[in-house]
Amino acid sequence: MKLEEYGYALSDASQAISLDPKYAKAYYRRATCYMQILKPQQAVSDFKKVLTLEPHNETIRSQMVATQKLIRKIEFEKAIEVEGEKDPVIRCQEIIAEGGCEVDTTYAGPKLPSKDGKYYITEEFLQQMIQWFKDGKTLPKRYAWEIVIGAHDQFVKEDSLVTVNIEEGVTCDVIGDVHGQFYDVLHLFSLTGSPTEKHYLLMNGDLVDRGSWSIEVILLAFAYKWMYPKYMYINRGNHEAKDMNRTYGFEGEAKHKHGEQAYKLFAHVFTTLPLATLVSPTSPPSAKDGAILSPDGLKRFFVVHGGLFSKDGVTLEDIRKLPRVGRQPGQEGLMCMLLWTDPQEMPGRGPSKRGVGIAFGPDVTKRWCTLNGVTGVIRSHEVRQNGYEIEHDGLCTTVFSAPNYVDQSGNKGAFIRIDAAGNREYTQFNASPHPPMKPMAYIQGGLGSLMM
């Protein structure tokens, strides 16, 4: 379970229960796994079984009650969605137009500039915002809304698969999961540099959840997207989703720092994030290394949070046309696979160690890359102790950019730099000190102990 292999852990717990139906700890572990893979109803059943075996266990009782409250909340939110709640972007714009989200006159922090009543963003504001965050302060709700809406207006112009051409003299850094670890992100950006016309950044999902500065991370990333839409790119991860945000802290953090409507705004804008990016160098390869090339004889890399699919034959065009806006990943289908799957060493396909998605082998990766003229898959989604790992005979690389993940994994972070000829350079970095706040500090409903 510490490795987040909840599918395997769930199977082990079920096996233990079959051997000893009165083994309370196995029921508890299985309940925890069900919570981690977003199946709270099954978790409640196992909590009840523990209480029949240990009727005076008040810790389990409180966790069961908190889980039941979570289920009722999910059902209520689904009912509201069925009734057709207004697009949160439109609703925020209406509130602004009605004068319902003005900046307090006592606010003494960085000022977002405006002209003719319309806000815009500058590098000066962005740097002042970073310092404001480092000082432990939050932006006014209005500024947060403006940044999120500014980024939204760029994301909705992009396909579900974005093509980023790397011209001569340009580099692109691919960044893996950062999970709300704001102080590590600042160190990371000091190594990559800011996005410019000669240097692009691509964040490969899971910017939020687990780390307790997710708001600061996502506002910084969205501010860059608003200011540099052609130099800053962001893929969706499996944690840019309502059910994960509800479980792993971002919902609670967003509501605590900026209110209910801000969370609704973030949740909707997450659905506008592209699902993958095709990083496409434009110069011939510098060496003949047997790489799979595009039809034009160039290297190109498919960057996606999770990985490949439960079936062969999926094309880049299939991904490009995939409907995404307003949709959650679910637990099946192409969007789920893009955000949730993992590589495995064995050939073929296998069950997911997480309990969601599948695992795909090196033969699956080779067939898919050959079909689509892709030099390699770059994905994230999993901790790697060295920050990155080259797998599947060089065709699949995992990059993870949250060092000492949740303050306990001891791993390095890394990013990958790609140049115009498709050469890749790997940079590792260690964790940075941060203020004394535990991961997942904003989890709601008393469920924090279950999620660590």
Protein backbone atom coordinates (compact mmCIF):
# COMPACT_ATOMS: atom_id res chain seq x y z
CA MET A 1 0.00 0.00 0.00
CA LYS A 2 2.91 2.38 0.66
CA LEU A 3 3.83 1.90 -3.02
CA GLU A 4 0.27 2.90 -4.03
CA GLU A 5 -0.25 -0.54 -5.56
CA TYR A 6 -3.79 -0.67 -4.25
CA GLY A 7 -5.03 -3.25 -6.74
CA TYR A 8 -2.40 -5.72 -5.55
CA ALA A 9 -3.01 -4.83 -1.89
CA LEU A 10 -6.75 -5.31 -2.32
CA SER A 11 -6.17 -8.77 -3.79
CA ASP A 12 -3.83 -9.68 -0.91
CA ALA A 13 -6.38 -8.53 1.69
CA SER A 14 -9.15 -10.53 0.02
CA GLN A 15 -6.92 -13.61 0.02
CA ALA A 16 -6.20 -13.11 3.74
CA ILE A 17 -9.95 -12.84 4.44
CA SER A 18 -10.64 -16.06 2.54
CA LEU A 19 -8.09 -17.83 4.76
CA ASP A 20 -9.37 -16.24 7.98
CA PRO A 21 -12.85 -14.63 7.77
CA LYS A 22 -12.37 -13.17 11.28
CA TYR A 23 -9.14 -11.29 10.44
CA ALA A 24 -10.24 -7.72 11.23
CA LYS A 25 -7.03 -6.08 10.02
CA ALA A 26 -7.50 -7.55 6.54
CA TYR A 27 -10.99 -6.04 6.29
CA TYR A 28 -9.58 -2.68 7.39
CA ARG A 29 -6.77 -2.83 4.82
CA ARG A 30 -9.24 -3.74 2.10
CA ALA A 31 -11.49 -0.84 3.13
CA THR A 32 -8.51 1.49 2.86
CA CYS A 33 -7.76 0.17 -0.64
CA TYR A 34 -11.37 0.70 -1.70
CA MET A 35 -11.12 4.31 -0.52
CA GLN A 36 -7.91 4.84 -2.47
CA ILE A 37 -9.45 3.53 -5.71
CA LEU A 38 -12.60 5.63 -5.19
CA LYS A 39 -15.04 2.89 -4.18
CA PRO A 40 -16.33 4.18 -0.82
CA GLN A 41 -19.48 2.00 -0.80
CA GLN A 42 -17.36 -1.16 -0.68
CA ALA A 43 -15.20 0.44 2.01
CA VAL A 44 -18.26 0.97 4.23
CA SER A 45 -19.13 -2.73 3.94
CA ASP A 46 -15.67 -3.69 5.18
CA PHE A 47 -15.75 -1.11 7.98
CA LYS A 48 -19.02 -2.66 9.15
CA LYS A 49 -17.41 -6.10 9.13
CA VAL A 50 -14.55 -4.81 11.30
CA LEU A 51 -17.07 -3.40 13.76
CA THR A 52 -18.87 -6.74 14.04
CA LEU A 53 -15.51 -8.23 15.03
CA GLU A 54 -14.37 -5.25 17.14
CA PRO A 55 -17.55 -3.44 18.27
CA HIS A 56 -15.66 -1.03 20.55
CA ASN A 57 -13.19 0.20 17.90
CA GLU A 58 -14.15 3.89 17.83
CA THR A 59 -11.46 4.80 15.29
CA ILE A 60 -13.03 2.49 12.72
CA ARG A 61 -16.49 3.73 13.63
CA SER A 62 -15.51 7.37 13.03
CA GLN A 63 -13.88 6.46 9.70
CA MET A 64 -17.02 4.61 8.64
CA VAL A 65 -19.22 7.59 9.55
CA ALA A 66 -16.92 9.96 7.63
CA THR A 67 -17.06 7.66 4.60
CA GLN A 68 -20.86 7.50 4.74
CA LYS A 69 -20.97 11.31 4.79
CA LEU A 70 -18.67 11.34 1.75
CA ILE A 71 -21.02 8.99 -0.12
CA ARG A 72 -24.02 11.22 0.63
CA LYS A 73 -22.06 14.26 -0.56
CA ILE A 74 -21.13 12.52 -3.83
CA GLU A 75 -24.75 11.54 -4.43
CA PHE A 76 -25.91 15.10 -3.74
CA GLU A 77 -23.37 16.56 -6.17
CA LYS A 78 -24.41 14.09 -8.86
CA ALA A 79 -28.04 15.12 -8.39
CA ILE A 80 -27.10 18.78 -8.85
CA GLU A 81 -25.16 17.96 -12.03
CA VAL A 82 -28.15 16.09 -13.46
CA GLU A 83 -30.25 19.21 -12.91
CA GLY A 84 -27.78 21.13 -15.09
CA GLU A 85 -25.71 23.55 -13.03
CA LYS A 86 -24.42 26.56 -14.99
CA ASP A 87 -20.90 26.50 -16.48
CA PRO A 88 -18.67 27.75 -13.61
CA VAL A 89 -16.70 30.05 -15.95
CA ILE A 90 -19.90 31.76 -17.06
CA ARG A 91 -21.17 31.92 -13.47
CA CYS A 92 -17.94 33.55 -12.24
CA GLN A 93 -18.09 36.08 -15.06
CA GLU A 94 -21.69 36.90 -14.09
CA ILE A 95 -20.71 37.40 -10.45
CA ILE A 96 -17.86 39.69 -11.54
CA ALA A 97 -20.20 41.70 -13.80
CA GLU A 98 -22.65 42.06 -10.90
CA GLY A 99 -19.87 43.49 -8.71
CA GLY A 100 -19.91 40.46 -6.42
CA CYS A 101 -16.18 39.70 -6.46
CA GLU A 102 -14.28 42.93 -5.93
CA VAL A 103 -10.80 43.10 -4.40
CA ASP A 104 -10.94 44.24 -0.78
CA THR A 105 -9.66 47.81 -0.37
CA THR A 106 -7.44 46.68 2.53
CA TYR A 107 -5.53 44.20 0.35
CA ALA A 108 -1.83 45.13 0.36
CA GLY A 109 -0.32 42.42 -1.85
CA PRO A 110 0.74 42.32 -5.51
CA LYS A 111 -1.67 44.15 -7.82
CA LEU A 112 -2.90 42.49 -11.00
CA PRO A 113 -2.80 45.29 -13.60
CA SER A 114 -5.89 46.28 -15.58
CA LYS A 115 -6.77 48.41 -18.58
CA ASP A 116 -10.24 49.60 -19.57
CA GLY A 117 -11.69 47.49 -16.76
CA LYS A 118 -10.01 44.27 -17.96
CA TYR A 119 -7.23 42.52 -16.05
CA TYR A 120 -4.04 41.26 -17.71
CA ILE A 121 -0.92 39.58 -16.37
CA THR A 122 2.73 40.65 -16.36
CA GLU A 123 6.03 39.07 -15.37
CA GLU A 124 6.33 41.64 -12.58
CA PHE A 125 3.01 40.56 -11.06
CA LEU A 126 3.94 36.89 -11.42
CA GLN A 127 7.22 37.33 -9.53
CA GLN A 128 5.50 39.36 -6.81
CA MET A 129 2.85 36.64 -6.56
CA ILE A 130 5.53 33.99 -6.01
CA GLN A 131 7.02 36.01 -3.15
CA TRP A 132 3.54 36.58 -1.71
CA PHE A 133 2.98 32.82 -1.71
CA LYS A 134 6.39 32.21 -0.11
CA ASP A 135 5.34 34.62 2.64
CA GLY A 136 2.41 32.30 3.35
CA LYS A 137 -0.29 34.60 1.98
CA THR A 138 -3.13 34.07 -0.49
CA LEU A 139 -4.33 36.14 -3.41
CA PRO A 140 -7.74 37.81 -3.40
CA LYS A 141 -10.45 35.54 -4.76
CA ARG A 142 -10.93 37.86 -7.74
CA TYR A 143 -7.30 37.51 -8.81
CA ALA A 144 -7.47 33.72 -8.49
CA TRP A 145 -10.59 33.69 -10.68
CA GLU A 146 -8.95 35.93 -13.29
CA ILE A 147 -5.87 33.69 -13.51
CA VAL A 148 -7.94 30.51 -13.87
CA ILE A 149 -10.25 32.06 -16.48
CA GLY A 150 -7.24 33.48 -18.34
CA ALA A 151 -5.73 29.99 -18.58
CA HIS A 152 -9.11 28.47 -19.46
CA ASP A 153 -9.42 30.75 -22.48
CA GLN A 154 -6.19 29.25 -23.83
CA PHE A 155 -6.93 25.59 -23.03
CA VAL A 156 -10.26 25.60 -24.86
CA LYS A 157 -8.45 26.59 -28.07
CA GLU A 158 -6.31 23.43 -27.92
CA ASP A 159 -7.11 19.92 -29.16
CA SER A 160 -7.15 16.94 -26.80
CA LEU A 161 -3.76 16.09 -28.36
CA VAL A 162 -1.62 19.21 -28.73
CA THR A 163 1.27 19.25 -31.22
CA VAL A 164 4.28 21.30 -30.09
CA ASN A 165 6.92 21.83 -32.77
CA ILE A 166 10.48 22.31 -31.49
CA GLU A 167 12.28 24.60 -33.93
CA GLU A 168 16.05 25.01 -34.23
CA GLY A 169 17.42 26.75 -31.12
CA VAL A 170 14.36 25.86 -29.01
CA THR A 171 14.19 23.35 -26.15
CA CYS A 172 11.23 21.87 -24.28
CA ASP A 173 11.35 20.61 -20.69
CA VAL A 174 8.93 17.81 -19.75
CA ILE A 175 7.98 17.91 -16.07
CA GLY A 176 6.27 15.03 -14.26
CA ASP A 177 3.97 15.00 -11.21
CA VAL A 178 4.58 17.85 -8.76
CA HIS A 179 1.55 17.25 -6.47
CA GLY A 180 1.25 20.58 -4.71
CA GLN A 181 4.89 20.63 -3.54
CA PHE A 182 5.24 24.37 -4.15
CA TYR A 183 8.73 24.85 -2.73
CA ASP A 184 10.05 21.99 -4.86
CA VAL A 185 8.33 23.53 -7.91
CA LEU A 186 10.14 26.82 -7.26
CA HIS A 187 13.45 24.95 -7.15
CA LEU A 188 12.47 23.03 -10.29
CA PHE A 189 11.66 26.24 -12.17
CA SER A 190 15.00 27.70 -11.09
CA LEU A 191 16.59 24.77 -12.94
CA THR A 192 14.36 24.79 -16.02
CA GLY A 193 14.00 28.55 -16.32
CA SER A 194 10.72 30.29 -17.12
CA PRO A 195 8.89 29.63 -20.40
CA THR A 196 10.16 31.80 -23.27
CA GLU A 197 10.10 31.80 -27.08
CA LYS A 198 13.29 29.70 -26.98
CA HIS A 199 12.34 27.43 -24.09
CA TYR A 200 9.00 25.70 -23.56
CA LEU A 201 7.66 24.02 -20.44
CA LEU A 202 5.30 21.04 -20.51
CA MET A 203 3.81 19.94 -17.18
CA ASN A 204 2.54 16.38 -17.52
CA GLY A 205 -0.36 16.33 -15.07
CA ASP A 206 -0.91 15.82 -11.34
CA LEU A 207 -0.09 19.38 -10.37
CA VAL A 208 -2.47 19.16 -7.40
CA ASP A 209 -3.49 16.90 -4.48
CA ARG A 210 -1.42 15.36 -1.69
CA GLY A 211 0.90 18.35 -1.29
CA SER A 212 -0.61 21.16 0.80
CA TRP A 213 0.34 24.03 -1.52
CA SER A 214 -1.67 22.81 -4.50
CA ILE A 215 -3.39 26.19 -4.94
CA GLU A 216 -0.04 27.97 -5.16
CA VAL A 217 1.26 25.43 -7.69
CA ILE A 218 -1.79 25.49 -9.95
CA LEU A 219 -2.13 29.29 -9.87
CA LEU A 220 1.54 29.65 -10.81
CA ALA A 221 1.20 27.16 -13.69
CA PHE A 222 -2.05 28.75 -14.90
CA ALA A 223 -0.51 32.23 -14.65
CA TYR A 224 2.30 31.08 -16.95
CA LYS A 225 -0.27 29.61 -19.35
CA TRP A 226 -2.23 32.87 -19.40
CA MET A 227 0.91 34.94 -20.01
CA TYR A 228 2.80 32.58 -22.36
CA PRO A 229 0.16 30.39 -24.07
CA LYS A 230 2.52 29.21 -26.83
CA TYR A 231 5.45 28.46 -24.51
CA MET A 232 3.66 26.87 -21.52
CA TYR A 233 1.75 23.59 -21.89
CA ILE A 234 -0.12 21.53 -19.31
CA ASN A 235 -1.50 18.00 -19.71
CA ARG A 236 -4.27 16.65 -17.53
CA GLY A 237 -3.37 14.01 -14.94
CA ASN A 238 -5.59 11.58 -13.09
CA HIS A 239 -5.57 14.01 -10.12
CA GLU A 240 -7.08 16.83 -12.17
CA ALA A 241 -10.44 15.18 -11.53
CA LYS A 242 -13.30 15.72 -9.08
CA ASP A 243 -13.24 12.35 -7.35
CA MET A 244 -9.49 12.54 -6.74
CA ASN A 245 -9.65 16.18 -5.55
CA ARG A 246 -12.41 15.24 -3.13
CA THR A 247 -10.30 12.42 -1.71
CA TYR A 248 -6.74 13.76 -1.73
CA GLY A 249 -7.06 17.33 -0.52
CA PHE A 250 -7.37 19.82 -3.37
CA GLU A 251 -11.10 20.36 -2.95
CA GLY A 252 -10.66 21.18 0.72
CA GLU A 253 -7.67 23.43 0.04
CA ALA A 254 -9.40 25.35 -2.77
CA LYS A 255 -12.50 25.95 -0.65
CA HIS A 256 -10.41 26.96 2.38
CA LYS A 257 -8.31 29.48 0.45
CA HIS A 258 -10.74 30.82 -2.15
CA GLY A 259 -14.25 29.49 -1.50
CA GLU A 260 -16.81 27.09 -3.00
CA GLN A 261 -17.19 28.86 -6.35
CA ALA A 262 -13.43 28.90 -6.90
CA TYR A 263 -13.32 25.13 -6.45
CA LYS A 264 -16.13 24.69 -8.98
CA LEU A 265 -14.17 26.90 -11.38
CA PHE A 266 -10.98 24.85 -10.98
CA ALA A 267 -12.89 21.57 -11.35
CA HIS A 268 -14.39 22.69 -14.66
CA VAL A 269 -11.17 24.16 -16.05
CA PHE A 270 -9.36 20.89 -15.26
CA THR A 271 -11.67 19.25 -17.82
CA THR A 272 -10.38 21.65 -20.49
CA LEU A 273 -6.75 20.55 -20.05
CA PRO A 274 -5.40 18.61 -23.06
CA LEU A 275 -5.00 14.87 -22.53
CA ALA A 276 -1.61 14.51 -24.26
CA THR A 277 1.05 16.46 -26.16
CA LEU A 278 3.05 15.40 -29.21
CA VAL A 279 6.48 17.01 -28.82
CA SER A 280 7.78 17.22 -32.38
CA PRO A 281 11.40 18.20 -33.08
CA THR A 282 11.80 19.76 -36.54
CA SER A 283 15.48 18.98 -37.29
CA PRO A 284 16.79 15.62 -38.55
CA PRO A 285 18.10 13.29 -35.82
CA SER A 286 21.75 13.92 -34.98
CA ALA A 287 22.52 10.19 -35.04
CA LYS A 288 21.10 7.09 -36.73
CA ASP A 289 20.22 5.05 -33.66
CA GLY A 290 17.44 2.88 -35.04
CA ALA A 291 14.75 5.08 -33.51
CA ILE A 292 11.17 4.94 -34.76
CA LEU A 293 10.61 8.12 -36.76
CA SER A 294 7.63 10.10 -38.00
CA PRO A 295 6.55 9.85 -41.67
CA ASP A 296 8.77 12.92 -42.23
CA GLY A 297 11.83 11.11 -40.86
CA LEU A 298 11.90 13.08 -37.60
CA LYS A 299 11.78 12.10 -33.96
CA ARG A 300 8.65 12.87 -31.96
CA PHE A 301 7.50 12.03 -28.45
CA PHE A 302 4.04 11.24 -27.13
CA VAL A 303 3.78 12.87 -23.69
CA VAL A 304 0.87 11.63 -21.57
CA HIS A 305 0.27 11.33 -17.86
CA GLY A 306 -0.57 7.61 -17.64
CA GLY A 307 0.11 5.56 -20.73
CA LEU A 308 -1.27 3.33 -23.46
CA PHE A 309 -4.45 1.42 -24.10
CA SER A 310 -6.38 -1.78 -23.46
CA LYS A 311 -6.54 -2.42 -27.21
CA ASP A 312 -4.25 -2.03 -30.22
CA GLY A 313 -4.96 0.31 -33.10
CA VAL A 314 -5.53 3.61 -31.27
CA THR A 315 -4.16 6.43 -33.43
CA LEU A 316 -2.95 9.93 -32.70
CA GLU A 317 -5.98 11.24 -34.55
CA ASP A 318 -8.29 9.22 -32.28
CA ILE A 319 -6.73 10.98 -29.29
CA ARG A 320 -6.78 14.40 -30.93
CA LYS A 321 -10.54 14.17 -31.51
CA LEU A 322 -11.40 12.77 -28.07
CA PRO A 323 -14.16 14.85 -26.37
CA ARG A 324 -12.90 16.08 -22.99
CA VAL A 325 -14.45 19.38 -21.88
CA GLY A 326 -16.87 18.88 -19.01
CA ARG A 327 -15.95 15.18 -18.70
CA GLN A 328 -14.36 13.18 -15.91
CA PRO A 329 -11.96 10.28 -16.68
CA GLY A 330 -14.14 7.54 -15.18
CA GLN A 331 -12.73 4.03 -14.79
CA GLU A 332 -12.81 2.84 -18.41
CA GLY A 333 -12.41 4.19 -21.94
CA LEU A 334 -9.64 6.05 -23.76
CA MET A 335 -9.51 9.04 -21.39
CA CYS A 336 -9.17 6.75 -18.39
CA MET A 337 -6.37 4.83 -20.09
CA LEU A 338 -4.47 7.99 -21.02
CA LEU A 339 -4.52 9.20 -17.41
CA TRP A 340 -4.31 5.96 -15.41
CA THR A 341 -2.33 3.13 -17.05
CA ASP A 342 1.20 1.98 -16.16
CA PRO A 343 3.98 0.06 -17.94
CA GLN A 344 4.88 -3.48 -16.90
CA GLU A 345 7.96 -5.60 -17.61
CA MET A 346 6.03 -8.61 -18.92
CA PRO A 347 4.77 -8.59 -22.53
CA GLY A 348 1.09 -8.15 -23.25
CA ARG A 349 -1.41 -6.51 -20.95
CA GLY A 350 -2.23 -7.20 -17.33
CA PRO A 351 -4.40 -6.00 -14.47
CA SER A 352 -3.56 -2.65 -12.93
CA LYS A 353 -1.64 -2.70 -9.68
CA ARG A 354 -3.73 0.38 -8.77
CA GLY A 355 -7.13 -1.20 -9.32
CA VAL A 356 -7.93 1.33 -12.10
CA GLY A 357 -6.81 1.07 -15.74
CA ILE A 358 -4.43 -1.63 -17.01
CA ALA A 359 -0.71 -2.40 -17.26
CA PHE A 360 0.91 -2.54 -20.72
CA GLY A 361 4.05 -4.41 -21.74
CA PRO A 362 7.01 -3.53 -23.98
CA ASP A 363 5.47 -5.27 -27.00
CA VAL A 364 2.33 -3.13 -26.66
CA THR A 365 4.46 0.01 -26.56
CA LYS A 366 6.51 -1.03 -29.61
CA ARG A 367 3.42 -1.83 -31.69
CA TRP A 368 1.78 1.47 -30.78
CA CYS A 369 4.89 3.57 -31.47
CA THR A 370 5.44 1.80 -34.80
CA LEU A 371 1.81 2.29 -35.85
CA ASN A 372 1.92 6.01 -35.07
CA GLY A 373 5.49 6.89 -36.04
CA VAL A 374 6.37 7.87 -32.47
CA THR A 375 9.95 7.68 -31.17
CA GLY A 376 8.89 7.12 -27.58
CA VAL A 377 6.26 7.56 -24.90
CA ILE A 378 7.08 9.94 -22.04
CA ARG A 379 4.76 9.49 -19.10
CA SER A 380 4.62 10.25 -15.37
CA HIS A 381 2.09 8.97 -12.80
CA GLU A 382 4.53 6.86 -10.74
CA VAL A 383 7.31 7.59 -8.28
CA ARG A 384 10.77 6.69 -9.55
CA GLN A 385 13.54 6.74 -6.96
CA ASN A 386 15.96 8.43 -9.37
CA GLY A 387 13.30 10.82 -10.69
CA TYR A 388 13.09 9.05 -14.04
CA GLU A 389 13.42 5.60 -15.56
CA ILE A 390 13.91 4.48 -19.16
CA GLU A 391 11.81 1.38 -19.80
CA HIS A 392 10.49 -0.86 -22.59
CA ASP A 393 13.78 -0.97 -24.52
CA GLY A 394 13.96 2.81 -24.56
CA LEU A 395 10.45 3.35 -25.92
CA CYS A 396 8.83 4.35 -22.62
CA THR A 397 10.26 6.81 -20.11
CA THR A 398 8.72 7.69 -16.75
CA VAL A 399 9.52 11.12 -15.29
CA PHE A 400 8.44 12.17 -11.79
CA SER A 401 9.13 15.67 -10.48
CA ALA A 402 8.01 15.60 -6.83
CA PRO A 403 11.16 14.82 -4.80
CA ASN A 404 10.70 13.13 -1.42
CA TYR A 405 7.09 12.57 -2.41
CA VAL A 406 4.63 13.35 0.44
CA ASP A 407 7.64 13.93 2.69
CA GLN A 408 8.37 10.22 3.02
CA SER A 409 9.49 8.55 -0.24
CA GLY A 410 13.11 9.76 -0.30
CA ASN A 411 13.12 9.91 -4.12
CA LYS A 412 14.78 12.44 -6.39
CA GLY A 413 12.80 14.57 -8.82
CA ALA A 414 13.70 14.94 -12.49
CA PHE A 415 12.78 16.61 -15.76
CA ILE A 416 13.61 15.85 -19.40
CA ARG A 417 14.92 18.45 -21.87
CA ILE A 418 14.26 17.81 -25.58
CA ASP A 419 15.97 19.80 -28.33
CA ALA A 420 15.16 20.41 -32.01
CA ALA A 421 16.87 17.16 -33.10
CA GLY A 422 15.05 15.05 -30.52
CA ASN A 423 18.01 14.62 -28.17
CA ARG A 424 16.99 14.09 -24.54
CA GLU A 425 18.83 15.31 -21.46
CA TYR A 426 17.83 14.22 -17.95
CA THR A 427 18.25 16.47 -14.90
CA GLN A 428 17.73 15.25 -11.34
CA PHE A 429 17.16 17.34 -8.23
CA ASN A 430 16.59 16.87 -4.51
CA ALA A 431 13.78 18.07 -2.26
CA SER A 432 13.79 21.62 -0.91
CA PRO A 433 12.91 22.67 2.66
CA HIS A 434 9.34 23.84 3.21
CA PRO A 435 7.30 25.30 6.08
CA PRO A 436 6.05 22.81 8.69
CA MET A 437 2.78 21.69 7.11
CA LYS A 438 1.98 18.03 6.55
CA PRO A 439 0.86 16.64 3.18
CA MET A 440 -2.90 16.47 2.60
CA ALA A 441 -3.55 18.99 5.37
CA TYR A 442 -6.89 20.00 3.83
CA ILE A 443 -8.55 16.58 3.48
CA GLN A 444 -12.15 16.94 4.60
CA GLY A 445 -14.36 14.80 6.80
CA GLY A 446 -11.79 13.12 9.05
CA LEU A 447 -10.44 10.84 6.30
CA GLY A 448 -6.84 12.09 6.32
CA SER A 449 -5.43 9.06 8.14
CA LEU A 450 -6.88 6.75 5.48
CA MET A 451 -5.16 8.56 2.62
CA MET A 452 -1.56 8.55 3.84
